[in-house]
Amino acid sequence: MTKFLNTFWDIGIFDGLQWSHGVIVILLVVVLTQWCAYSDLKSKYKNLTRKNLLQRKEIKTLKIESLRHKLQPHTINNALHLINIRLNNLQKSVDAFADVTEYVVYARDDKRVSIKEEVDFVKDYIRFLSSLQNCQECLKMDFQIDEKSAFYLEPCLPPLLLAPLIENAFEHGDTKNPEFLNIVVRLQGDTFIFRIQNIISSKKMSSSKGGLGLQILKDRLEYLVGNRASLEFSNKDNIYTAELKIKLEFDRKQEKQK
């Protein structure tokens, strides 16, 4: 600053001015100099700010691109995982359907099956239907089977008696409800009990009487089992219950054919 003022003195810019006027001129020169310096700094700050914003935008763009590239394989992996689940469920459905079909094809009213065969069919049929409805987690099954019973492995039961009850539950039940189905199967001595309960779906069922399948079941029980069987239905608190009880006896005809 001193060098700057000496320059003014040397060129005689203050010649002929009073000292007070000279001071004013000096102050104006100082203010002008500071203002120029400030303007220069302000301009540099704006340029730096603009560059900083551009850099931030570039960084943000790079981050977005990076996330997008990370998301793409993640999305593909999720899609493949879902496809794999569906394929596994489809395979389970096909396997269960094969077991059910084999049992149904060879079922005849003039033949009897063991409790084991009918219970195995129940498990396969429920596995098949639940895989189609995707409600495997909504089932509760309780098998209380006395495997030492004489009826467990011997022919004593008409085949496919339980199929209409299972079909009715899946047809009219709320398969989306986490407590959709509750099944109890018991073999106690010479008594076989099958109880099935399902949460009723208001969209599927307007009546608790059932359809053709249940009527056929009643006719078959009357014709093949007679008064040794009882079939009861109830509808309470939005829960539909069907219970079949059969007093078992051996099929003497099949015993003689062995």
C-alpha atoms as a PDB file:
ATOM      1  CA  MET A   1       0.000   0.000   0.000  1.00  0.00           C
ATOM      2  CA  THR A   2       2.851   2.459   0.867  1.00  0.00           C
ATOM      3  CA  LYS A   3       4.527   1.729  -2.445  1.00  0.00           C
ATOM      4  CA  PHE A   4       1.216   2.348  -4.185  1.00  0.00           C
ATOM      5  CA  LEU A   5       0.841   5.792  -2.524  1.00  0.00           C
ATOM      6  CA  ASN A   6       4.436   6.768  -3.240  1.00  0.00           C
ATOM      7  CA  THR A   7       3.712   6.160  -6.894  1.00  0.00           C
ATOM      8  CA  PHE A   8       0.908   8.692  -6.743  1.00  0.00           C
ATOM      9  CA  TRP A   9       3.231  11.159  -5.048  1.00  0.00           C
ATOM     10  CA  ASP A  10       5.925  10.643  -7.665  1.00  0.00           C
ATOM     11  CA  ILE A  11       3.637  11.322 -10.590  1.00  0.00           C
ATOM     12  CA  GLY A  12       2.396  14.503  -8.880  1.00  0.00           C
ATOM     13  CA  ILE A  13      -1.247  13.543  -8.611  1.00  0.00           C
ATOM     14  CA  PHE A  14      -1.463  15.404  -5.303  1.00  0.00           C
ATOM     15  CA  ASP A  15       0.245  18.590  -6.558  1.00  0.00           C
ATOM     16  CA  GLY A  16      -1.911  21.656  -6.037  1.00  0.00           C
ATOM     17  CA  LEU A  17      -4.321  19.841  -3.667  1.00  0.00           C
ATOM     18  CA  GLN A  18      -4.769  20.668  -0.048  1.00  0.00           C
ATOM     19  CA  TRP A  19      -3.776  18.008   2.398  1.00  0.00           C
ATOM     20  CA  SER A  20      -7.389  17.220   3.331  1.00  0.00           C
ATOM     21  CA  HIS A  21      -8.240  16.768  -0.309  1.00  0.00           C
ATOM     22  CA  GLY A  22      -5.292  14.469  -0.669  1.00  0.00           C
ATOM     23  CA  VAL A  23      -6.488  12.348   2.222  1.00  0.00           C
ATOM     24  CA  ILE A  24      -9.912  12.023   0.636  1.00  0.00           C
ATOM     25  CA  VAL A  25      -8.351  10.964  -2.645  1.00  0.00           C
ATOM     26  CA  ILE A  26      -6.210   8.436  -0.795  1.00  0.00           C
ATOM     27  CA  LEU A  27      -9.271   7.002   0.950  1.00  0.00           C
ATOM     28  CA  LEU A  28     -11.142   6.764  -2.340  1.00  0.00           C
ATOM     29  CA  VAL A  29      -8.180   4.989  -3.885  1.00  0.00           C
ATOM     30  CA  VAL A  30      -8.067   2.554  -0.927  1.00  0.00           C
ATOM     31  CA  VAL A  31     -11.815   1.893  -1.146  1.00  0.00           C
ATOM     32  CA  LEU A  32     -11.587   1.372  -4.877  1.00  0.00           C
ATOM     33  CA  THR A  33      -8.681  -1.005  -4.431  1.00  0.00           C
ATOM     34  CA  GLN A  34     -10.506  -3.031  -1.761  1.00  0.00           C
ATOM     35  CA  TRP A  35     -13.639  -3.140  -3.858  1.00  0.00           C
ATOM     36  CA  CYS A  36     -11.700  -4.468  -6.825  1.00  0.00           C
ATOM     37  CA  ALA A  37     -10.094  -7.091  -4.604  1.00  0.00           C
ATOM     38  CA  TYR A  38     -13.486  -8.047  -3.184  1.00  0.00           C
ATOM     39  CA  SER A  39     -15.032  -8.285  -6.633  1.00  0.00           C
ATOM     40  CA  ASP A  40     -12.176 -10.480  -7.758  1.00  0.00           C
ATOM     41  CA  LEU A  41     -12.609 -12.782  -4.722  1.00  0.00           C
ATOM     42  CA  LYS A  42     -16.371 -12.866  -5.226  1.00  0.00           C
ATOM     43  CA  SER A  43     -15.918 -13.874  -8.834  1.00  0.00           C
ATOM     44  CA  LYS A  44     -13.466 -16.605  -7.856  1.00  0.00           C
ATOM     45  CA  TYR A  45     -15.891 -17.834  -5.157  1.00  0.00           C
ATOM     46  CA  LYS A  46     -18.734 -18.051  -7.661  1.00  0.00           C
ATOM     47  CA  ASN A  47     -16.547 -19.987 -10.041  1.00  0.00           C
ATOM     48  CA  LEU A  48     -15.505 -22.375  -7.275  1.00  0.00           C
ATOM     49  CA  THR A  49     -19.113 -22.755  -6.134  1.00  0.00           C
ATOM     50  CA  ARG A  50     -20.218 -23.481  -9.687  1.00  0.00           C
ATOM     51  CA  LYS A  51     -17.456 -26.061 -10.091  1.00  0.00           C
ATOM     52  CA  ASN A  52     -18.364 -27.588  -6.730  1.00  0.00           C
ATOM     53  CA  LEU A  53     -22.019 -27.915  -7.760  1.00  0.00           C
ATOM     54  CA  LEU A  54     -21.011 -29.497 -11.045  1.00  0.00           C
ATOM     55  CA  GLN A  55     -18.758 -31.928  -9.197  1.00  0.00           C
ATOM     56  CA  ARG A  56     -21.575 -32.783  -6.776  1.00  0.00           C
ATOM     57  CA  LYS A  57     -23.956 -33.420  -9.667  1.00  0.00           C
ATOM     58  CA  GLU A  58     -21.365 -35.621 -11.336  1.00  0.00           C
ATOM     59  CA  ILE A  59     -20.822 -37.534  -8.081  1.00  0.00           C
ATOM     60  CA  LYS A  60     -24.594 -37.941  -7.604  1.00  0.00           C
ATOM     61  CA  THR A  61     -24.962 -39.163 -11.191  1.00  0.00           C
ATOM     62  CA  LEU A  62     -22.150 -41.659 -10.676  1.00  0.00           C
ATOM     63  CA  LYS A  63     -23.773 -42.885  -7.436  1.00  0.00           C
ATOM     64  CA  ILE A  64     -27.139 -43.313  -9.183  1.00  0.00           C
ATOM     65  CA  GLU A  65     -25.485 -45.240 -12.002  1.00  0.00           C
ATOM     66  CA  SER A  66     -23.638 -47.380  -9.498  1.00  0.00           C
ATOM     67  CA  LEU A  67     -26.864 -48.146  -7.597  1.00  0.00           C
ATOM     68  CA  ARG A  68     -28.652 -48.933 -10.853  1.00  0.00           C
ATOM     69  CA  HIS A  69     -25.953 -51.403 -11.847  1.00  0.00           C
ATOM     70  CA  LYS A  70     -26.172 -52.969  -8.396  1.00  0.00           C
ATOM     71  CA  LEU A  71     -29.986 -53.094  -8.574  1.00  0.00           C
ATOM     72  CA  GLN A  72     -30.164 -54.838 -11.943  1.00  0.00           C
ATOM     73  CA  PRO A  73     -28.527 -58.134 -10.879  1.00  0.00           C
ATOM     74  CA  HIS A  74     -30.387 -57.957  -7.543  1.00  0.00           C
ATOM     75  CA  THR A  75     -33.730 -57.661  -9.347  1.00  0.00           C
ATOM     76  CA  ILE A  76     -32.836 -60.472 -11.725  1.00  0.00           C
ATOM     77  CA  ASN A  77     -31.783 -62.692  -8.819  1.00  0.00           C
ATOM     78  CA  ASN A  78     -35.080 -62.017  -7.028  1.00  0.00           C
ATOM     79  CA  ALA A  79     -37.036 -62.849 -10.178  1.00  0.00           C
ATOM     80  CA  LEU A  80     -35.084 -66.083 -10.640  1.00  0.00           C
ATOM     81  CA  HIS A  81     -35.683 -66.946  -6.987  1.00  0.00           C
ATOM     82  CA  LEU A  82     -39.455 -66.507  -7.399  1.00  0.00           C
ATOM     83  CA  ILE A  83     -39.420 -68.569 -10.587  1.00  0.00           C
ATOM     84  CA  ASN A  84     -37.487 -71.291  -8.781  1.00  0.00           C
ATOM     85  CA  ILE A  85     -40.061 -71.317  -5.968  1.00  0.00           C
ATOM     86  CA  ARG A  86     -42.916 -71.631  -8.471  1.00  0.00           C
ATOM     87  CA  LEU A  87     -41.106 -74.436 -10.291  1.00  0.00           C
ATOM     88  CA  ASN A  88     -40.515 -76.268  -7.018  1.00  0.00           C
ATOM     89  CA  ASN A  89     -44.194 -75.883  -6.101  1.00  0.00           C
ATOM     90  CA  LEU A  90     -45.158 -77.083  -9.573  1.00  0.00           C
ATOM     91  CA  GLN A  91     -42.941 -80.137  -9.191  1.00  0.00           C
ATOM     92  CA  LYS A  92     -44.523 -80.893  -5.819  1.00  0.00           C
ATOM     93  CA  SER A  93     -47.977 -80.520  -7.361  1.00  0.00           C
ATOM     94  CA  VAL A  94     -47.087 -82.897 -10.198  1.00  0.00           C
ATOM     95  CA  ASP A  95     -45.665 -85.490  -7.791  1.00  0.00           C
ATOM     96  CA  ALA A  96     -48.707 -85.289  -5.527  1.00  0.00           C
ATOM     97  CA  PHE A  97     -51.057 -85.452  -8.501  1.00  0.00           C
ATOM     98  CA  ALA A  98     -49.314 -88.603  -9.740  1.00  0.00           C
ATOM     99  CA  ASP A  99     -49.802 -90.288  -6.360  1.00  0.00           C
ATOM    100  CA  VAL A 100     -53.453 -89.209  -6.188  1.00  0.00           C
ATOM    101  CA  THR A 101     -54.155 -90.340  -9.751  1.00  0.00           C
ATOM    102  CA  GLU A 102     -52.682 -93.782  -9.141  1.00  0.00           C
ATOM    103  CA  TYR A 103     -54.875 -94.252  -6.066  1.00  0.00           C
ATOM    104  CA  VAL A 104     -58.043 -92.999  -7.801  1.00  0.00           C
ATOM    105  CA  VAL A 105     -57.533 -95.123 -10.926  1.00  0.00           C
ATOM    106  CA  TYR A 106     -57.346 -98.371  -8.951  1.00  0.00           C
ATOM    107  CA  ALA A 107     -60.126 -97.479  -6.477  1.00  0.00           C
ATOM    108  CA  ARG A 108     -63.244 -99.643  -6.787  1.00  0.00           C
ATOM    109  CA  ASP A 109     -66.340 -99.907  -4.614  1.00  0.00           C
ATOM    110  CA  ASP A 110     -66.130-103.684  -4.576  1.00  0.00           C
ATOM    111  CA  LYS A 111     -62.693-103.416  -3.036  1.00  0.00           C
ATOM    112  CA  ARG A 112     -61.651-102.243   0.410  1.00  0.00           C
ATOM    113  CA  VAL A 113     -58.497-100.398   1.411  1.00  0.00           C
ATOM    114  CA  SER A 114     -56.591-100.247   4.658  1.00  0.00           C
ATOM    115  CA  ILE A 115     -56.577 -97.230   6.952  1.00  0.00           C
ATOM    116  CA  LYS A 116     -52.940 -96.679   6.003  1.00  0.00           C
ATOM    117  CA  GLU A 117     -53.782 -96.499   2.283  1.00  0.00           C
ATOM    118  CA  GLU A 118     -56.663 -94.057   2.804  1.00  0.00           C
ATOM    119  CA  VAL A 119     -54.614 -91.866   5.172  1.00  0.00           C
ATOM    120  CA  ASP A 120     -51.727 -91.775   2.692  1.00  0.00           C
ATOM    121  CA  PHE A 121     -54.212 -90.699   0.036  1.00  0.00           C
ATOM    122  CA  VAL A 122     -55.500 -87.931   2.321  1.00  0.00           C
ATOM    123  CA  LYS A 123     -51.966 -86.616   2.792  1.00  0.00           C
ATOM    124  CA  ASP A 124     -51.224 -86.718  -0.954  1.00  0.00           C
ATOM    125  CA  TYR A 125     -54.538 -85.092  -1.896  1.00  0.00           C
ATOM    126  CA  ILE A 126     -54.148 -82.278   0.617  1.00  0.00           C
ATOM    127  CA  ARG A 127     -50.559 -81.758  -0.523  1.00  0.00           C
ATOM    128  CA  PHE A 128     -51.790 -81.489  -4.118  1.00  0.00           C
ATOM    129  CA  LEU A 129     -54.693 -79.110  -3.437  1.00  0.00           C
ATOM    130  CA  SER A 130     -52.726 -76.893  -1.051  1.00  0.00           C
ATOM    131  CA  SER A 131     -49.899 -76.519  -3.582  1.00  0.00           C
ATOM    132  CA  LEU A 132     -52.413 -75.346  -6.184  1.00  0.00           C
ATOM    133  CA  GLN A 133     -53.910 -72.824  -3.755  1.00  0.00           C
ATOM    134  CA  ASN A 134     -50.480 -71.900  -2.329  1.00  0.00           C
ATOM    135  CA  CYS A 135     -51.764 -72.354   1.220  1.00  0.00           C
ATOM    136  CA  GLN A 136     -49.396 -75.002   2.605  1.00  0.00           C
ATOM    137  CA  GLU A 137     -48.723 -72.841   5.657  1.00  0.00           C
ATOM    138  CA  CYS A 138     -52.444 -72.506   6.454  1.00  0.00           C
ATOM    139  CA  LEU A 139     -52.970 -76.181   7.287  1.00  0.00           C
ATOM    140  CA  LYS A 140     -53.014 -77.979  10.599  1.00  0.00           C
ATOM    141  CA  MET A 141     -53.195 -81.777  10.527  1.00  0.00           C
ATOM    142  CA  ASP A 142     -53.288 -84.130  13.480  1.00  0.00           C
ATOM    143  CA  PHE A 143     -52.978 -87.854  12.739  1.00  0.00           C
ATOM    144  CA  GLN A 144     -53.661 -90.003  15.807  1.00  0.00           C
ATOM    145  CA  ILE A 145     -53.306 -93.432  14.276  1.00  0.00           C
ATOM    146  CA  ASP A 146     -52.833 -96.614  16.263  1.00  0.00           C
ATOM    147  CA  GLU A 147     -50.522 -98.479  13.900  1.00  0.00           C
ATOM    148  CA  LYS A 148     -50.833-101.588  16.070  1.00  0.00           C
ATOM    149  CA  SER A 149     -54.542-101.756  15.327  1.00  0.00           C
ATOM    150  CA  ALA A 150     -55.615-104.788  13.281  1.00  0.00           C
ATOM    151  CA  PHE A 151     -57.396-102.406  10.884  1.00  0.00           C
ATOM    152  CA  TYR A 152     -54.316-100.308  10.104  1.00  0.00           C
ATOM    153  CA  LEU A 153     -52.964-102.587   7.354  1.00  0.00           C
ATOM    154  CA  GLU A 154     -56.010-104.738   6.575  1.00  0.00           C
ATOM    155  CA  PRO A 155     -58.744-103.896   3.999  1.00  0.00           C
ATOM    156  CA  CYS A 156     -61.656-102.435   5.938  1.00  0.00           C
ATOM    157  CA  LEU A 157     -62.708 -99.163   4.313  1.00  0.00           C
ATOM    158  CA  PRO A 158     -64.283 -98.190   0.967  1.00  0.00           C
ATOM    159  CA  PRO A 159     -61.762 -96.099  -0.981  1.00  0.00           C
ATOM    160  CA  LEU A 160     -62.069 -92.333  -1.539  1.00  0.00           C
ATOM    161  CA  LEU A 161     -64.629 -91.776   1.218  1.00  0.00           C
ATOM    162  CA  LEU A 162     -62.749 -88.733   2.465  1.00  0.00           C
ATOM    163  CA  ALA A 163     -62.114 -87.025  -0.891  1.00  0.00           C
ATOM    164  CA  PRO A 164     -65.460 -85.127  -1.075  1.00  0.00           C
ATOM    165  CA  LEU A 165     -64.968 -83.698   2.414  1.00  0.00           C
ATOM    166  CA  ILE A 166     -61.497 -82.441   1.509  1.00  0.00           C
ATOM    167  CA  GLU A 167     -62.692 -81.026  -1.826  1.00  0.00           C
ATOM    168  CA  ASN A 168     -65.595 -79.254  -0.121  1.00  0.00           C
ATOM    169  CA  ALA A 169     -63.247 -77.557   2.358  1.00  0.00           C
ATOM    170  CA  PHE A 170     -60.946 -76.259  -0.377  1.00  0.00           C
ATOM    171  CA  GLU A 171     -63.826 -75.239  -2.632  1.00  0.00           C
ATOM    172  CA  HIS A 172     -65.734 -73.221  -0.025  1.00  0.00           C
ATOM    173  CA  GLY A 173     -62.988 -72.348   2.459  1.00  0.00           C
ATOM    174  CA  ASP A 174     -60.988 -69.163   2.834  1.00  0.00           C
ATOM    175  CA  THR A 175     -57.583 -70.395   1.669  1.00  0.00           C
ATOM    176  CA  LYS A 176     -56.041 -66.978   2.391  1.00  0.00           C
ATOM    177  CA  ASN A 177     -56.797 -67.272   6.086  1.00  0.00           C
ATOM    178  CA  PRO A 178     -53.717 -68.408   8.095  1.00  0.00           C
ATOM    179  CA  GLU A 179     -55.967 -70.847  10.006  1.00  0.00           C
ATOM    180  CA  PHE A 180     -57.846 -72.006   6.933  1.00  0.00           C
ATOM    181  CA  LEU A 181     -57.877 -75.777   7.543  1.00  0.00           C
ATOM    182  CA  ASN A 182     -57.752 -78.064  10.566  1.00  0.00           C
ATOM    183  CA  ILE A 183     -57.853 -81.842  10.099  1.00  0.00           C
ATOM    184  CA  VAL A 184     -57.956 -84.584  12.726  1.00  0.00           C
ATOM    185  CA  VAL A 185     -57.684 -88.264  11.777  1.00  0.00           C
ATOM    186  CA  ARG A 186     -58.031 -90.952  14.459  1.00  0.00           C
ATOM    187  CA  LEU A 187     -57.954 -94.726  14.571  1.00  0.00           C
ATOM    188  CA  GLN A 188     -58.953 -95.979  17.990  1.00  0.00           C
ATOM    189  CA  GLY A 189     -59.617 -99.710  18.205  1.00  0.00           C
ATOM    190  CA  ASP A 190     -62.286-100.426  15.619  1.00  0.00           C
ATOM    191  CA  THR A 191     -63.411 -96.786  15.287  1.00  0.00           C
ATOM    192  CA  PHE A 192     -62.165 -94.476  12.535  1.00  0.00           C
ATOM    193  CA  ILE A 193     -62.795 -90.724  12.880  1.00  0.00           C
ATOM    194  CA  PHE A 194     -62.158 -88.037  10.281  1.00  0.00           C
ATOM    195  CA  ARG A 195     -62.880 -84.416  11.254  1.00  0.00           C
ATOM    196  CA  ILE A 196     -62.198 -81.496   8.930  1.00  0.00           C
ATOM    197  CA  GLN A 197     -62.786 -77.829   9.770  1.00  0.00           C
ATOM    198  CA  ASN A 198     -62.332 -74.874   7.476  1.00  0.00           C
ATOM    199  CA  ILE A 199     -62.761 -71.123   7.754  1.00  0.00           C
ATOM    200  CA  ILE A 200     -65.691 -70.203   5.533  1.00  0.00           C
ATOM    201  CA  SER A 201     -65.118 -67.820   2.651  1.00  0.00           C
ATOM    202  CA  SER A 202     -68.069 -65.466   2.194  1.00  0.00           C
ATOM    203  CA  LYS A 203     -67.130 -65.080  -1.481  1.00  0.00           C
ATOM    204  CA  LYS A 204     -67.243 -68.814  -2.194  1.00  0.00           C
ATOM    205  CA  MET A 205     -70.019 -70.175  -0.046  1.00  0.00           C
ATOM    206  CA  SER A 206     -73.618 -69.086   0.350  1.00  0.00           C
ATOM    207  CA  SER A 207     -74.809 -72.320   1.938  1.00  0.00           C
ATOM    208  CA  SER A 208     -73.347 -74.989   4.217  1.00  0.00           C
ATOM    209  CA  LYS A 209     -75.238 -77.888   2.631  1.00  0.00           C
ATOM    210  CA  GLY A 210     -72.539 -78.763   0.131  1.00  0.00           C
ATOM    211  CA  GLY A 211     -73.022 -79.983  -3.406  1.00  0.00           C
ATOM    212  CA  LEU A 212     -73.072 -83.111  -5.518  1.00  0.00           C
ATOM    213  CA  GLY A 213     -69.887 -84.550  -4.017  1.00  0.00           C
ATOM    214  CA  LEU A 214     -71.313 -84.638  -0.489  1.00  0.00           C
ATOM    215  CA  GLN A 215     -74.563 -86.170  -1.690  1.00  0.00           C
ATOM    216  CA  ILE A 216     -72.638 -88.925  -3.463  1.00  0.00           C
ATOM    217  CA  LEU A 217     -70.659 -89.497  -0.254  1.00  0.00           C
ATOM    218  CA  LYS A 218     -73.892 -89.919   1.739  1.00  0.00           C
ATOM    219  CA  ASP A 219     -75.224 -92.384  -0.825  1.00  0.00           C
ATOM    220  CA  ARG A 220     -72.003 -94.390  -0.813  1.00  0.00           C
ATOM    221  CA  LEU A 221     -71.941 -94.523   2.993  1.00  0.00           C
ATOM    222  CA  GLU A 222     -75.517 -95.744   3.076  1.00  0.00           C
ATOM    223  CA  TYR A 223     -74.876 -98.372   0.433  1.00  0.00           C
ATOM    224  CA  LEU A 224     -71.388 -99.548   1.447  1.00  0.00           C
ATOM    225  CA  VAL A 225     -71.219 -98.980   5.202  1.00  0.00           C
ATOM    226  CA  GLY A 226     -74.792 -98.725   6.400  1.00  0.00           C
ATOM    227  CA  ASN A 227     -75.544 -97.887  10.019  1.00  0.00           C
ATOM    228  CA  ARG A 228     -71.893 -98.328  10.985  1.00  0.00           C
ATOM    229  CA  ALA A 229     -71.222 -94.798   9.720  1.00  0.00           C
ATOM    230  CA  SER A 230     -72.314 -91.372  10.910  1.00  0.00           C
ATOM    231  CA  LEU A 231     -71.719 -88.100   9.071  1.00  0.00           C
ATOM    232  CA  GLU A 232     -72.388 -84.786  10.781  1.00  0.00           C
ATOM    233  CA  PHE A 233     -72.006 -81.170   9.680  1.00  0.00           C
ATOM    234  CA  SER A 234     -72.010 -77.933  11.643  1.00  0.00           C
ATOM    235  CA  ASN A 235     -71.528 -74.266  10.881  1.00  0.00           C
ATOM    236  CA  LYS A 236     -70.594 -72.095  13.848  1.00  0.00           C
ATOM    237  CA  ASP A 237     -68.601 -68.860  14.247  1.00  0.00           C
ATOM    238  CA  ASN A 238     -67.654 -68.888  10.555  1.00  0.00           C
ATOM    239  CA  ILE A 239     -66.141 -72.384  10.913  1.00  0.00           C
ATOM    240  CA  TYR A 240     -67.568 -75.249   8.872  1.00  0.00           C
ATOM    241  CA  THR A 241     -67.056 -78.711  10.392  1.00  0.00           C
ATOM    242  CA  ALA A 242     -67.621 -82.143   8.890  1.00  0.00           C
ATOM    243  CA  GLU A 243     -67.075 -85.262  10.976  1.00  0.00           C
ATOM    244  CA  LEU A 244     -67.225 -88.825   9.730  1.00  0.00           C
ATOM    245  CA  LYS A 245     -67.214 -91.777  12.143  1.00  0.00           C
ATOM    246  CA  ILE A 246     -67.066 -95.370  11.004  1.00  0.00           C
ATOM    247  CA  LYS A 247     -67.149 -98.540  13.056  1.00  0.00           C
ATOM    248  CA  LEU A 248     -64.761-100.719  11.109  1.00  0.00           C
ATOM    249  CA  GLU A 249     -65.043-104.348  10.129  1.00  0.00           C
ATOM    250  CA  PHE A 250     -62.862-106.541   7.955  1.00  0.00           C
ATOM    251  CA  ASP A 251     -63.761-107.326   4.373  1.00  0.00           C
ATOM    252  CA  ARG A 252     -64.255-111.088   4.558  1.00  0.00           C
ATOM    253  CA  LYS A 253     -64.433-111.454   0.772  1.00  0.00           C
ATOM    254  CA  GLN A 254     -60.981-109.987   0.245  1.00  0.00           C
ATOM    255  CA  GLU A 255     -59.632-112.069   3.132  1.00  0.00           C
ATOM    256  CA  LYS A 256     -60.829-115.254   1.409  1.00  0.00           C
ATOM    257  CA  GLN A 257     -59.253-114.197  -1.890  1.00  0.00           C
ATOM    258  CA  LYS A 258     -55.793-113.906  -0.325  1.00  0.00           C
END
